[in-house]
Amino acid sequence: MTMALQVSQAKQIGRFGPNIDWALATVLTCLILFGSVMVFSASYPLALENQVSPFYYVLLQLRWLGVGLVALVGAAIVPYRVWERWSVPLMALGLISLIALIFVGESRFGATRAFPGGRVQPSEPVKVIVLIYISTWLASKGDRIKNINYGLIPFGVLMGIVTSLIVVQPDISTTILIVVTALIIFFLAGAELKQLILGGFVAAVTFWLVITRNSYASRRVSALLESIQSPLNSSEWQIREASQAIVKGGPLGVGLGNSTEKLPGNLPLSWSDNIFAVIGEEMGLLGTLAVILLFTLFVYRGLRIASESSDIFGSLLAVGITALIILQAIIHIAVAVAVAPPTGVTLPFVSFGGSSLVTSMGAAGILLNISRYRGLPPPAAHRRGETGARPHTTAGDRIRGGLASAFGAKKSGASSGPPGQTAHAPSNFGWWNRGAHLSGSRRRRTTKNQRSDRRDHSG
């Protein structure tokens, strides 16, 4: 990349506003604002019982929200390839924090997941750190990932090390989140389907052994199986109260602030682990569907960003972050409707939380940064000897192919547009697809700058 083109790219990327995916930013804003309202509604009865201000817990949430906003904006500004350079030190730091938790962690509700104080859970940032490290490692392997000695075996060893440190807490739900998300990007990086099936089988057998031999996990699974036929009469306190909250809400809800299940002695942790049940009671079916719609739009924009990324690392990381967020939401909602055992998984951007909220917002910031480079050369490489985008594009091709099938668009290889231009799925969203249209216009500007630069160089 010549100096003139680098300057041109810097000018385009340097303007924070025009290049950001505003559709995704809008979804995030809606989820965060709605979450703050629901945290206040769900937490003020507890505050009154503890004889503190009704705003006590929501003010704590706003403090963490401020930290999360710094993380989001910072991650949206820092070029995403910086995380590629720091993936190994970050991974080492994550493993050290998990090991330290074994010795100094604080036990709550039968699990040791947080440091003293209960607000910092190292497994939360480790989820994103693992995605960064796996994306970096897979991007460096190229087509060698199809060889089991370079792909599945080292991948399995890494997953085994990380998940074993999380299982001992025990935190089965986070373990599942990490493994499933890692398997998704492992497949998109070019691994063959048979490797994915084999890896999934080994993971399933391992989880079955862990659950059957771990009294904490087996009790929760047994309670779910006993309750699944009649959750309203479940012997499991949390399942019963969450189900009753959903039923009481009906189609329109009992009204904001009028939930009875959130009162002390009823639904436990209504402001965090069970906030979706409170939404169902107060806002009804319409409120829960609105939340599900927002997460669906988050997935749509995340996959569009991944499919339009300039390099394999950006594609893999974007898919990983998108999958991680939506899988958390699915597990949280599944617990509320009694199709999954209580897990302690919060609803991203909505539930009360410290490290979980900051981690989710930081991850979303990375996703926004990747969106800023759509249709442009990737940010300057930071490893010695790297000079730009890598030729390995399996992830982007697979993502684009999947989106093409889902939305009825042509695959990039059959695009009727200019050579090398990514085909975009047609949509009736109008302004919603402004990000895609801006991406195309940036491609045209970049191509024009390249032609101009070549003329100047030849002259």
Protein backbone atom coordinates (compact mmCIF):
# COMPACT_ATOMS: atom_id res chain seq x y z
CA MET A 1 0.00 0.00 0.00
CA THR A 2 1.56 3.30 -1.07
CA MET A 3 1.80 6.39 1.10
CA ALA A 4 -0.88 8.31 -0.84
CA LEU A 5 -3.39 5.48 -0.43
CA GLN A 6 -2.57 5.14 3.27
CA VAL A 7 -3.24 8.86 3.77
CA SER A 8 -6.51 8.59 1.85
CA GLN A 9 -7.60 5.59 3.92
CA ALA A 10 -6.64 7.34 7.16
CA LYS A 11 -8.81 10.33 6.24
CA GLN A 12 -11.81 8.08 5.56
CA ILE A 13 -11.40 5.97 8.70
CA GLY A 14 -10.50 8.94 10.86
CA ARG A 15 -13.98 10.37 10.53
CA PHE A 16 -15.66 8.37 13.29
CA GLY A 17 -19.27 9.18 12.44
CA PRO A 18 -19.75 8.52 8.71
CA ASN A 19 -17.99 5.15 8.74
CA ILE A 20 -19.64 3.56 11.76
CA ASP A 21 -22.46 1.06 11.37
CA TRP A 22 -25.21 3.29 12.72
CA ALA A 23 -27.83 0.56 12.42
CA LEU A 24 -25.88 -1.60 14.86
CA ALA A 25 -25.21 1.40 17.09
CA THR A 26 -28.96 2.10 17.17
CA VAL A 27 -29.71 -1.47 18.28
CA LEU A 28 -27.11 -1.24 21.03
CA THR A 29 -28.51 2.08 22.24
CA CYS A 30 -32.04 0.68 22.41
CA LEU A 31 -30.94 -2.40 24.35
CA ILE A 32 -28.82 -0.42 26.82
CA LEU A 33 -31.46 2.25 27.51
CA PHE A 34 -34.22 -0.33 27.84
CA GLY A 35 -31.99 -2.37 30.13
CA SER A 36 -31.37 0.59 32.43
CA VAL A 37 -35.11 1.15 32.81
CA MET A 38 -35.76 -2.52 33.54
CA VAL A 39 -32.87 -2.74 36.03
CA PHE A 40 -34.43 0.12 38.00
CA SER A 41 -37.87 -1.48 37.86
CA ALA A 42 -36.56 -4.88 38.95
CA SER A 43 -34.17 -3.68 41.66
CA TYR A 44 -35.94 -0.93 43.57
CA PRO A 45 -37.93 -3.34 45.82
CA LEU A 46 -34.66 -4.87 46.99
CA ALA A 47 -33.23 -1.40 47.59
CA LEU A 48 -36.23 -0.47 49.75
CA GLU A 49 -35.91 -3.70 51.71
CA ASN A 50 -32.23 -2.92 52.35
CA GLN A 51 -33.23 0.61 53.44
CA VAL A 52 -31.22 2.39 50.77
CA SER A 53 -32.27 4.75 48.00
CA PRO A 54 -34.62 3.22 45.39
CA PHE A 55 -32.05 4.37 42.82
CA TYR A 56 -29.15 2.59 44.55
CA TYR A 57 -28.81 -0.33 42.14
CA VAL A 58 -29.61 1.57 38.97
CA LEU A 59 -26.95 4.14 39.91
CA LEU A 60 -24.47 1.28 40.29
CA GLN A 61 -25.57 0.10 36.86
CA LEU A 62 -25.03 3.57 35.41
CA ARG A 63 -21.49 3.62 36.84
CA TRP A 64 -20.68 0.35 35.15
CA LEU A 65 -22.44 1.66 32.05
CA GLY A 66 -20.01 4.58 32.06
CA VAL A 67 -17.07 2.17 32.20
CA GLY A 68 -18.69 0.12 29.45
CA LEU A 69 -19.16 3.22 27.31
CA VAL A 70 -15.46 3.98 27.61
CA ALA A 71 -14.71 0.38 26.59
CA LEU A 72 -17.13 0.57 23.66
CA VAL A 73 -15.86 3.88 22.29
CA GLY A 74 -12.24 2.89 22.84
CA ALA A 75 -12.71 -0.44 21.08
CA ALA A 76 -14.57 1.28 18.25
CA ILE A 77 -11.61 3.63 17.70
CA VAL A 78 -8.67 1.23 18.12
CA PRO A 79 -8.01 -0.65 14.82
CA TYR A 80 -9.16 -4.21 15.31
CA ARG A 81 -5.85 -5.64 14.05
CA VAL A 82 -4.24 -4.32 17.26
CA TRP A 83 -6.03 -7.11 19.13
CA GLU A 84 -4.41 -9.59 16.76
CA ARG A 85 -0.98 -8.38 17.83
CA TRP A 86 -1.81 -8.62 21.53
CA SER A 87 -3.71 -11.91 21.39
CA VAL A 88 -0.98 -13.98 23.09
CA PRO A 89 -0.40 -11.62 26.08
CA LEU A 90 -4.16 -11.24 26.50
CA MET A 91 -4.61 -15.01 26.47
CA ALA A 92 -1.89 -15.42 29.08
CA LEU A 93 -3.52 -12.77 31.27
CA GLY A 94 -6.89 -14.48 30.93
CA LEU A 95 -5.50 -17.86 31.98
CA ILE A 96 -3.69 -16.31 34.96
CA SER A 97 -6.93 -14.65 36.13
CA LEU A 98 -8.81 -17.97 35.93
CA ILE A 99 -6.08 -19.72 37.92
CA ALA A 100 -6.07 -16.93 40.52
CA LEU A 101 -9.83 -17.29 40.91
CA ILE A 102 -9.36 -20.86 42.16
CA PHE A 103 -7.38 -19.58 45.15
CA VAL A 104 -8.95 -16.19 45.98
CA GLY A 105 -12.43 -16.39 44.45
CA GLU A 106 -15.61 -15.67 46.40
CA SER A 107 -18.18 -18.48 46.59
CA ARG A 108 -21.83 -17.58 45.97
CA PHE A 109 -24.81 -19.88 45.38
CA GLY A 110 -22.52 -22.90 45.27
CA ALA A 111 -20.14 -21.50 42.63
CA THR A 112 -16.87 -19.57 42.72
CA ARG A 113 -17.05 -17.28 39.69
CA ALA A 114 -15.99 -13.85 40.95
CA PHE A 115 -13.23 -12.19 42.91
CA PRO A 116 -14.10 -10.80 46.37
CA GLY A 117 -16.85 -8.21 46.00
CA GLY A 118 -18.73 -10.23 43.42
CA ARG A 119 -18.55 -7.66 40.63
CA VAL A 120 -15.53 -8.91 38.62
CA GLN A 121 -15.92 -12.30 36.96
CA PRO A 122 -12.77 -13.17 34.97
CA SER A 123 -14.68 -15.63 32.80
CA GLU A 124 -16.54 -12.67 31.23
CA PRO A 125 -13.54 -10.98 29.54
CA VAL A 126 -11.97 -14.40 28.94
CA LYS A 127 -14.85 -15.21 26.57
CA VAL A 128 -13.81 -12.35 24.28
CA ILE A 129 -10.09 -12.98 24.79
CA VAL A 130 -10.52 -16.58 23.63
CA LEU A 131 -12.30 -15.35 20.49
CA ILE A 132 -9.47 -12.93 19.72
CA TYR A 133 -6.83 -15.61 20.24
CA ILE A 134 -8.70 -18.29 18.25
CA SER A 135 -9.38 -15.85 15.39
CA THR A 136 -5.70 -14.88 15.28
CA TRP A 137 -4.56 -18.50 15.35
CA LEU A 138 -7.03 -19.65 12.69
CA ALA A 139 -6.23 -16.70 10.42
CA SER A 140 -2.54 -17.61 10.55
CA LYS A 141 -3.15 -21.25 9.58
CA GLY A 142 -4.85 -20.68 6.23
CA ASP A 143 -5.76 -23.90 4.43
CA ARG A 144 -3.60 -25.94 6.81
CA ILE A 145 -6.57 -25.88 9.17
CA LYS A 146 -7.99 -28.79 7.16
CA ASN A 147 -5.12 -30.96 8.39
CA ILE A 148 -6.15 -32.48 11.71
CA ASN A 149 -2.62 -32.11 13.10
CA TYR A 150 -2.65 -28.35 12.47
CA GLY A 151 -6.36 -27.82 13.08
CA LEU A 152 -8.54 -29.98 15.29
CA ILE A 153 -5.88 -31.38 17.66
CA PRO A 154 -4.30 -28.06 18.77
CA PHE A 155 -7.77 -26.49 18.76
CA GLY A 156 -9.02 -29.22 21.10
CA VAL A 157 -6.01 -28.85 23.41
CA LEU A 158 -6.58 -25.10 23.73
CA MET A 159 -10.29 -25.56 24.41
CA GLY A 160 -9.49 -28.21 26.99
CA ILE A 161 -7.13 -25.93 28.91
CA VAL A 162 -9.51 -22.96 28.97
CA THR A 163 -12.70 -24.86 29.70
CA SER A 164 -11.17 -26.98 32.46
CA LEU A 165 -10.34 -23.79 34.38
CA ILE A 166 -13.94 -22.60 33.99
CA VAL A 167 -15.63 -25.93 34.74
CA VAL A 168 -13.99 -26.11 38.17
CA GLN A 169 -15.79 -22.91 39.27
CA PRO A 170 -18.23 -24.53 38.23
CA ASP A 171 -19.58 -22.49 35.30
CA ILE A 172 -20.98 -24.93 32.75
CA SER A 173 -22.94 -22.30 30.83
CA THR A 174 -19.87 -20.16 30.11
CA THR A 175 -17.99 -23.29 29.07
CA ILE A 176 -20.73 -24.13 26.58
CA LEU A 177 -20.73 -20.55 25.25
CA ILE A 178 -16.99 -20.57 24.62
CA VAL A 179 -16.88 -24.01 23.01
CA VAL A 180 -19.89 -23.51 20.72
CA THR A 181 -18.70 -20.07 19.58
CA ALA A 182 -15.18 -21.37 18.99
CA LEU A 183 -16.52 -24.31 16.95
CA ILE A 184 -18.51 -21.90 14.77
CA ILE A 185 -15.48 -19.80 13.83
CA PHE A 186 -13.34 -22.95 13.55
CA PHE A 187 -15.67 -24.21 10.82
CA LEU A 188 -15.88 -20.83 9.10
CA ALA A 189 -12.08 -20.62 9.06
CA GLY A 190 -11.99 -23.58 6.68
CA ALA A 191 -12.20 -26.71 8.84
CA GLU A 192 -13.91 -29.63 7.16
CA LEU A 193 -17.36 -30.70 8.28
CA LYS A 194 -16.07 -34.03 9.59
CA GLN A 195 -13.72 -32.15 11.93
CA LEU A 196 -16.63 -30.06 13.18
CA ILE A 197 -18.75 -33.17 13.78
CA LEU A 198 -15.90 -34.94 15.56
CA GLY A 199 -15.14 -31.90 17.70
CA GLY A 200 -18.81 -31.45 18.55
CA PHE A 201 -19.14 -35.12 19.50
CA VAL A 202 -16.11 -34.99 21.79
CA ALA A 203 -17.42 -31.79 23.40
CA ALA A 204 -20.89 -33.29 23.92
CA VAL A 205 -19.48 -36.44 25.55
CA THR A 206 -17.20 -34.36 27.76
CA PHE A 207 -20.06 -32.14 28.91
CA TRP A 208 -22.21 -35.20 29.64
CA LEU A 209 -19.45 -36.64 31.81
CA VAL A 210 -18.97 -33.32 33.60
CA ILE A 211 -22.68 -32.91 34.29
CA THR A 212 -23.19 -36.46 35.54
CA ARG A 213 -20.17 -36.25 37.85
CA ASN A 214 -20.74 -32.71 39.10
CA SER A 215 -23.42 -32.57 41.79
CA TYR A 216 -24.00 -28.83 41.26
CA ALA A 217 -24.72 -29.24 37.54
CA SER A 218 -26.59 -32.54 37.82
CA ARG A 219 -29.00 -31.11 40.41
CA ARG A 220 -29.93 -28.25 38.11
CA VAL A 221 -30.41 -30.50 35.09
CA SER A 222 -32.48 -32.97 37.11
CA ALA A 223 -34.69 -30.15 38.38
CA LEU A 224 -35.25 -28.95 34.82
CA LEU A 225 -36.20 -32.42 33.57
CA GLU A 226 -38.67 -32.79 36.43
CA SER A 227 -40.15 -29.34 35.78
CA ILE A 228 -40.33 -29.25 32.01
CA GLN A 229 -43.82 -30.83 31.91
CA SER A 230 -45.27 -28.38 34.44
CA PRO A 231 -42.89 -25.49 35.17
CA LEU A 232 -45.54 -23.59 37.15
CA ASN A 233 -45.52 -26.38 39.73
CA SER A 234 -41.78 -27.00 39.67
CA SER A 235 -39.94 -27.83 42.86
CA GLU A 236 -37.10 -25.65 41.54
CA TRP A 237 -37.73 -22.21 43.00
CA GLN A 238 -36.22 -20.17 40.17
CA ILE A 239 -37.94 -22.13 37.38
CA ARG A 240 -41.33 -21.87 39.09
CA GLU A 241 -41.16 -18.14 39.79
CA ALA A 242 -39.83 -17.24 36.33
CA SER A 243 -42.61 -19.25 34.67
CA GLN A 244 -45.24 -17.57 36.83
CA ALA A 245 -43.88 -14.15 35.89
CA ILE A 246 -44.14 -14.92 32.17
CA VAL A 247 -47.70 -16.26 32.55
CA LYS A 248 -48.87 -13.28 34.62
CA GLY A 249 -47.67 -10.87 31.95
CA GLY A 250 -49.96 -12.16 29.23
CA PRO A 251 -49.89 -10.36 25.88
CA LEU A 252 -49.56 -6.77 27.16
CA GLY A 253 -48.08 -7.12 30.64
CA VAL A 254 -49.14 -5.77 34.02
CA GLY A 255 -47.42 -2.44 33.43
CA LEU A 256 -43.94 -1.06 34.03
CA GLY A 257 -43.05 -1.27 37.72
CA ASN A 258 -46.06 -3.42 38.64
CA SER A 259 -44.40 -6.84 38.74
CA THR A 260 -45.07 -8.87 41.88
CA GLU A 261 -42.59 -11.65 41.13
CA LYS A 262 -39.67 -9.23 41.51
CA LEU A 263 -40.61 -8.57 45.13
CA PRO A 264 -38.21 -10.00 47.73
CA GLY A 265 -38.92 -13.65 48.44
CA ASN A 266 -40.22 -14.41 44.96
CA LEU A 267 -38.11 -14.46 41.78
CA PRO A 268 -34.40 -14.57 42.74
CA LEU A 269 -31.95 -12.19 41.06
CA SER A 270 -34.76 -10.58 39.08
CA TRP A 271 -32.50 -7.68 38.07
CA SER A 272 -29.82 -9.85 36.47
CA ASP A 273 -30.18 -13.61 35.92
CA ASN A 274 -33.98 -13.41 35.48
CA ILE A 275 -34.59 -9.96 34.05
CA PHE A 276 -36.26 -11.39 30.92
CA ALA A 277 -38.96 -12.91 33.15
CA VAL A 278 -39.60 -9.47 34.69
CA ILE A 279 -39.82 -7.99 31.18
CA GLY A 280 -42.38 -10.67 30.33
CA GLU A 281 -44.48 -9.87 33.40
CA GLU A 282 -44.38 -6.08 33.11
CA MET A 283 -44.25 -5.63 29.32
CA GLY A 284 -46.01 -8.82 28.27
CA LEU A 285 -45.52 -10.81 25.10
CA LEU A 286 -45.07 -7.62 23.07
CA GLY A 287 -42.18 -6.52 25.27
CA THR A 288 -40.41 -9.86 25.05
CA LEU A 289 -40.86 -9.96 21.27
CA ALA A 290 -39.40 -6.45 21.02
CA VAL A 291 -36.29 -7.61 22.89
CA ILE A 292 -36.00 -10.68 20.66
CA LEU A 293 -36.36 -8.46 17.58
CA LEU A 294 -33.51 -6.22 18.74
CA PHE A 295 -31.21 -9.20 19.21
CA THR A 296 -32.26 -10.54 15.79
CA LEU A 297 -31.28 -7.23 14.21
CA PHE A 298 -28.00 -7.35 16.13
CA VAL A 299 -27.24 -10.74 14.55
CA TYR A 300 -28.19 -9.48 11.09
CA ARG A 301 -25.90 -6.47 11.29
CA GLY A 302 -23.09 -8.49 12.87
CA LEU A 303 -23.13 -11.06 10.08
CA ARG A 304 -23.28 -8.33 7.43
CA ILE A 305 -20.19 -6.75 8.98
CA ALA A 306 -18.43 -10.12 9.03
CA SER A 307 -19.30 -10.86 5.40
CA GLU A 308 -17.96 -7.48 4.27
CA SER A 309 -14.76 -7.53 6.33
CA SER A 310 -11.53 -6.88 4.47
CA ASP A 311 -9.59 -9.80 5.95
CA ILE A 312 -10.03 -13.23 7.49
CA PHE A 313 -9.23 -12.10 11.05
CA GLY A 314 -11.93 -9.41 10.92
CA SER A 315 -14.49 -11.86 9.52
CA LEU A 316 -13.79 -14.50 12.15
CA LEU A 317 -13.77 -12.05 15.04
CA ALA A 318 -17.01 -10.40 13.90
CA VAL A 319 -18.77 -13.76 13.63
CA GLY A 320 -17.40 -14.82 17.02
CA ILE A 321 -18.61 -11.69 18.80
CA THR A 322 -22.02 -11.89 17.13
CA ALA A 323 -22.40 -15.57 18.01
CA LEU A 324 -21.26 -15.02 21.59
CA ILE A 325 -23.80 -12.25 22.23
CA ILE A 326 -26.75 -14.05 20.66
CA LEU A 327 -25.96 -17.38 22.34
CA GLN A 328 -25.93 -15.62 25.71
CA ALA A 329 -29.31 -14.08 24.93
CA ILE A 330 -30.73 -17.44 23.81
CA ILE A 331 -29.56 -19.20 26.99
CA HIS A 332 -30.93 -16.42 29.22
CA ILE A 333 -34.31 -16.50 27.47
CA ALA A 334 -34.37 -20.31 27.51
CA VAL A 335 -33.99 -20.27 31.30
CA ALA A 336 -36.88 -17.80 31.63
CA VAL A 337 -39.23 -20.02 29.60
CA ALA A 338 -38.13 -23.21 31.41
CA VAL A 339 -36.38 -25.01 28.57
CA ALA A 340 -32.91 -24.68 30.13
CA PRO A 341 -31.73 -25.07 33.73
CA PRO A 342 -30.81 -21.94 35.73
CA THR A 343 -27.37 -20.91 34.52
CA GLY A 344 -26.52 -17.45 35.83
CA VAL A 345 -26.11 -16.13 32.27
CA THR A 346 -27.15 -12.48 32.03
CA LEU A 347 -29.03 -10.87 29.16
CA PRO A 348 -26.37 -8.87 27.24
CA PHE A 349 -26.69 -5.06 27.50
CA VAL A 350 -29.90 -5.43 29.56
CA SER A 351 -29.17 -7.22 32.85
CA PHE A 352 -27.59 -5.61 35.90
CA GLY A 353 -23.93 -6.47 35.98
CA GLY A 354 -20.39 -5.24 36.20
CA SER A 355 -17.88 -7.24 34.20
CA SER A 356 -20.61 -8.79 32.02
CA LEU A 357 -21.91 -5.38 30.90
CA VAL A 358 -18.45 -3.92 30.32
CA THR A 359 -17.32 -7.00 28.40
CA SER A 360 -20.40 -7.01 26.17
CA MET A 361 -20.03 -3.32 25.38
CA GLY A 362 -16.31 -3.69 24.69
CA ALA A 363 -17.01 -6.59 22.33
CA ALA A 364 -19.66 -4.52 20.57
CA GLY A 365 -17.10 -1.75 20.17
CA ILE A 366 -14.73 -4.14 18.39
CA LEU A 367 -17.58 -5.12 16.08
CA LEU A 368 -18.25 -1.45 15.31
CA ASN A 369 -14.56 -0.94 14.53
CA ILE A 370 -14.58 -3.84 12.08
CA SER A 371 -17.57 -2.22 10.38
CA ARG A 372 -15.54 0.95 9.78
CA TYR A 373 -13.23 -0.90 7.38
CA ARG A 374 -15.91 -2.48 5.19
CA GLY A 375 -14.99 -1.98 1.56
CA LEU A 376 -11.56 -0.61 2.49
CA PRO A 377 -8.16 -2.24 2.91
CA PRO A 378 -7.77 -3.63 6.45
CA PRO A 379 -5.98 -1.45 9.01
CA ALA A 380 -2.22 -1.48 8.77
CA ALA A 381 -0.78 -4.80 9.89
CA HIS A 382 0.96 -4.74 13.23
CA ARG A 383 3.03 -7.89 13.09
CA ARG A 384 6.53 -7.65 11.74
CA GLY A 385 6.58 -8.71 8.11
CA GLU A 386 2.82 -8.32 7.54
CA THR A 387 1.82 -5.93 4.83
CA GLY A 388 -1.95 -6.13 4.47
CA ALA A 389 -4.92 -8.41 3.95
CA ARG A 390 -4.38 -12.12 3.76
CA PRO A 391 -5.51 -14.08 0.71
CA HIS A 392 -7.34 -16.70 2.80
CA THR A 393 -11.04 -15.71 2.61
CA THR A 394 -12.91 -18.89 3.49
CA ALA A 395 -14.80 -17.29 6.38
CA GLY A 396 -15.97 -14.31 4.36
CA ASP A 397 -17.01 -16.54 1.46
CA ARG A 398 -18.94 -18.91 3.71
CA ILE A 399 -20.66 -16.06 5.54
CA ARG A 400 -21.56 -14.32 2.29
CA GLY A 401 -22.86 -17.58 0.86
CA GLY A 402 -25.04 -18.12 3.92
CA LEU A 403 -26.41 -14.58 3.80
CA ALA A 404 -27.06 -14.93 0.08
CA SER A 405 -29.11 -18.06 0.71
CA ALA A 406 -30.97 -16.44 3.60
CA PHE A 407 -31.83 -13.18 1.88
CA GLY A 408 -32.04 -14.28 -1.74
CA ALA A 409 -28.95 -12.44 -2.96
CA LYS A 410 -26.37 -13.66 -5.42
CA LYS A 411 -23.15 -15.01 -4.01
CA SER A 412 -20.11 -12.84 -4.37
CA GLY A 413 -18.70 -15.07 -7.04
CA ALA A 414 -21.77 -14.51 -9.19
CA SER A 415 -22.15 -10.86 -8.51
CA SER A 416 -23.18 -8.70 -11.41
CA GLY A 417 -21.24 -5.78 -10.00
CA PRO A 418 -17.60 -4.86 -10.55
CA PRO A 419 -15.04 -7.62 -10.08
CA GLY A 420 -14.07 -8.10 -6.44
CA GLN A 421 -17.11 -6.25 -5.10
CA THR A 422 -19.11 -8.12 -2.49
CA ALA A 423 -22.69 -8.85 -3.40
CA HIS A 424 -25.11 -7.38 -0.88
CA ALA A 425 -28.37 -9.01 0.06
CA PRO A 426 -31.35 -7.01 -1.21
CA SER A 427 -33.52 -5.58 1.52
CA ASN A 428 -36.50 -3.31 2.06
CA PHE A 429 -35.06 -1.85 5.26
CA GLY A 430 -34.20 1.44 3.51
CA TRP A 431 -32.04 3.54 5.84
CA TRP A 432 -31.21 0.36 7.76
CA ASN A 433 -28.93 -0.75 4.93
CA ARG A 434 -27.23 2.63 4.74
CA GLY A 435 -24.12 0.93 6.11
CA ALA A 436 -24.01 -1.40 3.11
CA HIS A 437 -24.52 1.48 0.67
CA LEU A 438 -21.78 3.50 2.37
CA SER A 439 -19.56 0.44 2.13
CA GLY A 440 -20.06 0.32 -1.63
CA SER A 441 -19.37 4.02 -2.03
CA ARG A 442 -16.17 3.68 0.01
CA ARG A 443 -15.05 0.86 -2.30
CA ARG A 444 -15.54 3.13 -5.29
CA ARG A 445 -13.61 5.95 -3.63
CA THR A 446 -10.80 3.58 -2.69
CA THR A 447 -10.59 2.18 -6.22
CA LYS A 448 -10.51 5.71 -7.61
CA ASN A 449 -7.73 6.66 -5.20
CA GLN A 450 -5.76 3.58 -6.20
CA ARG A 451 -6.01 4.51 -9.90
CA SER A 452 -4.97 8.08 -9.12
CA ASP A 453 -2.06 6.88 -7.03
CA ARG A 454 -0.85 4.58 -9.80
CA ARG A 455 -0.96 7.47 -12.30
CA ASP A 456 1.03 9.67 -9.94
CA HIS A 457 3.55 6.91 -9.35
CA SER A 458 4.00 6.21 -13.06
CA GLY A 459 4.35 9.90 -13.78
